[in-house]
Amino acid sequence: MRVVQIIPPFVASVAMVLMMIHVTVESFSRYFLNSPLPATTEIVSLYYMVPLSVLPLASLLAKDELIKVEIVSDLSTLKWRRILVFIGDATILVVSVLATYWMAQEALKKARIGEVWEGSSAFVTAWPSRWFMPLGFGLLALVAAVRVLAFLRGRNVR
């Protein structure tokens, strides 16, 4: 569990720093050298934004830091709060397993055809970036499964 809390957010942080550097260099090159970097928008969309948005999800669930609406749970007993957390975790587990399966199928399909995006001035190989989504949701499913099993064994997931 500790690995899921450290490595995916670190990779997302690296993607964020690289994106900031890339966009800064692109802006400098565009406005001061009158020569923009090719396919910046496509590279940012494919290789920086996707891992930045999806990889930290498992870590957030493992730390119990996902956004929650606590209006109902704050009014209920501790037993019912735990049941509500279990229902939420079970829902996350089912949805993330289904999403992982579907996105892995899509990633395989895109890898087989060698998906490429056409940018304004260059072609960008797109298929490798398709694997960030099943990886992120697969890790989310793993954490949700651990939490569901902990509940079923009578342990507190928080």
Protein backbone atom coordinates (compact mmCIF):
# COMPACT_ATOMS: atom_id res chain seq x y z
CA MET A 1 0.00 0.00 0.00
CA ARG A 2 2.88 2.32 0.80
CA VAL A 3 4.27 1.96 -2.74
CA VAL A 4 0.91 3.08 -4.18
CA GLN A 5 0.99 6.13 -1.92
CA ILE A 6 4.46 7.20 -3.06
CA ILE A 7 5.33 6.15 -6.63
CA PRO A 8 2.23 7.17 -8.67
CA PRO A 9 2.03 10.67 -7.12
CA PHE A 10 5.78 11.03 -7.70
CA VAL A 11 5.37 10.12 -11.38
CA ALA A 12 2.47 12.60 -11.63
CA SER A 13 4.63 15.28 -9.99
CA VAL A 14 7.42 14.62 -12.49
CA ALA A 15 4.88 14.93 -15.31
CA MET A 16 3.73 18.26 -13.87
CA VAL A 17 7.29 19.64 -13.63
CA LEU A 18 8.10 18.45 -17.15
CA MET A 19 4.90 20.03 -18.43
CA MET A 20 5.76 23.34 -16.78
CA ILE A 21 9.26 23.29 -18.29
CA HIS A 22 7.95 22.26 -21.71
CA VAL A 23 5.28 24.96 -21.82
CA THR A 24 7.70 27.60 -20.53
CA VAL A 25 10.32 26.71 -23.15
CA GLU A 26 7.62 26.62 -25.83
CA SER A 27 6.34 30.07 -24.82
CA PHE A 28 9.85 31.52 -24.75
CA SER A 29 10.64 29.96 -28.11
CA ARG A 30 7.38 31.17 -29.64
CA TYR A 31 7.52 34.78 -28.46
CA PHE A 32 11.24 35.52 -28.32
CA LEU A 33 12.70 33.29 -31.03
CA ASN A 34 9.62 33.28 -33.28
CA SER A 35 9.96 29.51 -33.54
CA PRO A 36 7.41 27.49 -31.52
CA LEU A 37 8.16 23.94 -30.48
CA PRO A 38 6.26 21.43 -32.60
CA ALA A 39 3.24 19.56 -31.20
CA THR A 40 3.38 21.05 -27.71
CA THR A 41 -0.40 20.90 -27.29
CA GLU A 42 -0.53 17.25 -28.29
CA ILE A 43 2.41 16.25 -26.06
CA VAL A 44 0.90 18.09 -23.08
CA SER A 45 -2.50 16.46 -23.70
CA LEU A 46 -1.11 12.96 -24.12
CA TYR A 47 1.91 12.63 -21.88
CA TYR A 48 1.57 15.20 -19.11
CA MET A 49 -2.10 15.81 -18.36
CA VAL A 50 -3.25 12.18 -18.36
CA PRO A 51 -0.77 10.85 -15.76
CA LEU A 52 -1.17 14.05 -13.76
CA SER A 53 -4.92 13.54 -13.50
CA VAL A 54 -5.22 9.76 -13.08
CA LEU A 55 -2.14 8.39 -11.30
CA PRO A 56 -2.71 10.08 -7.90
CA LEU A 57 -6.24 8.63 -7.52
CA ALA A 58 -5.10 5.40 -5.83
CA SER A 59 -2.90 7.32 -3.41
CA LEU A 60 -5.78 9.63 -2.53
CA LEU A 61 -8.05 6.67 -1.79
CA ALA A 62 -5.35 4.91 0.23
CA LYS A 63 -4.94 8.04 2.37
CA ASP A 64 -8.75 8.49 2.53
CA GLU A 65 -8.41 11.93 0.91
CA LEU A 66 -10.87 11.66 -1.96
CA ILE A 67 -13.64 14.27 -1.99
CA LYS A 68 -16.55 13.16 0.18
CA VAL A 69 -19.99 14.54 0.92
CA GLU A 70 -20.37 14.08 4.64
CA ILE A 71 -23.78 15.65 5.21
CA VAL A 72 -25.55 12.30 5.65
CA SER A 73 -22.67 10.40 7.25
CA ASP A 74 -22.10 13.07 9.92
CA LEU A 75 -25.68 12.59 11.09
CA SER A 76 -25.38 8.81 11.36
CA THR A 77 -23.79 6.46 13.86
CA LEU A 78 -20.24 5.16 13.54
CA LYS A 79 -21.56 1.78 12.36
CA TRP A 80 -23.54 3.39 9.52
CA ARG A 81 -20.60 5.62 8.58
CA ARG A 82 -18.45 2.50 8.17
CA ILE A 83 -21.18 0.88 6.06
CA LEU A 84 -21.38 3.99 3.87
CA VAL A 85 -17.60 3.95 3.42
CA PHE A 86 -17.83 0.26 2.49
CA ILE A 87 -20.54 0.98 -0.09
CA GLY A 88 -18.40 3.77 -1.53
CA ASP A 89 -15.30 1.56 -1.65
CA ALA A 90 -17.25 -1.31 -3.23
CA THR A 91 -18.64 1.07 -5.86
CA ILE A 92 -15.16 2.41 -6.60
CA LEU A 93 -13.91 -1.18 -6.87
CA VAL A 94 -16.57 -2.24 -9.38
CA VAL A 95 -16.33 0.90 -11.51
CA SER A 96 -12.53 0.96 -11.52
CA VAL A 97 -12.27 -2.74 -12.45
CA LEU A 98 -14.69 -2.23 -15.34
CA ALA A 99 -12.91 0.97 -16.41
CA THR A 100 -9.51 -0.72 -16.22
CA TYR A 101 -10.69 -3.59 -18.39
CA TRP A 102 -12.31 -1.33 -20.98
CA MET A 103 -9.37 1.10 -21.11
CA ALA A 104 -6.84 -1.73 -21.36
CA GLN A 105 -8.78 -3.08 -24.35
CA GLU A 106 -8.66 0.37 -25.94
CA ALA A 107 -4.94 0.73 -25.18
CA LEU A 108 -4.26 -2.64 -26.79
CA LYS A 109 -6.27 -1.67 -29.85
CA LYS A 110 -4.41 1.65 -30.17
CA ALA A 111 -1.03 -0.07 -29.66
CA ARG A 112 -1.79 -2.61 -32.39
CA ILE A 113 -2.58 0.10 -34.93
CA GLY A 114 0.26 2.34 -33.73
CA GLU A 115 -1.96 5.35 -33.01
CA VAL A 116 -0.47 8.69 -34.04
CA TRP A 117 -1.88 12.19 -33.58
CA GLU A 118 -1.30 14.81 -36.23
CA GLY A 119 -0.23 18.08 -34.67
CA SER A 120 -0.02 21.44 -36.36
CA SER A 121 3.56 20.82 -37.44
CA ALA A 122 4.45 17.25 -36.45
CA PHE A 123 3.11 13.78 -35.84
CA VAL A 124 3.07 12.51 -32.24
CA THR A 125 3.02 8.83 -31.31
CA ALA A 126 -0.06 8.56 -29.10
CA TRP A 127 -0.55 4.89 -28.25
CA PRO A 128 1.90 4.66 -25.29
CA SER A 129 -0.01 7.35 -23.42
CA ARG A 130 -3.15 5.19 -23.57
CA TRP A 131 -1.66 2.95 -20.86
CA PHE A 132 -1.74 5.64 -18.16
CA MET A 133 -5.51 5.29 -17.73
CA PRO A 134 -5.67 1.51 -17.16
CA LEU A 135 -2.62 1.77 -14.90
CA GLY A 136 -4.18 4.51 -12.79
CA PHE A 137 -7.58 2.85 -12.55
CA GLY A 138 -5.98 -0.56 -11.96
CA LEU A 139 -4.10 0.84 -8.97
CA LEU A 140 -7.34 2.46 -7.79
CA ALA A 141 -9.07 -0.93 -8.04
CA LEU A 142 -6.26 -2.53 -6.05
CA VAL A 143 -6.56 -0.01 -3.22
CA ALA A 144 -10.37 -0.28 -3.23
CA ALA A 145 -10.11 -4.08 -3.06
CA VAL A 146 -7.78 -3.85 -0.05
CA ARG A 147 -10.23 -1.49 1.67
CA VAL A 148 -13.24 -3.72 0.90
CA LEU A 149 -11.40 -6.79 2.22
CA ALA A 150 -10.37 -4.89 5.35
CA PHE A 151 -14.03 -4.00 5.99
CA LEU A 152 -15.15 -7.60 5.43
CA ARG A 153 -12.51 -8.80 7.90
CA GLY A 154 -13.78 -6.33 10.48
CA ARG A 155 -10.86 -3.93 10.31
CA ASN A 156 -11.14 -0.18 10.16
CA VAL A 157 -10.10 1.14 6.73
CA ARG A 158 -9.20 4.61 7.98
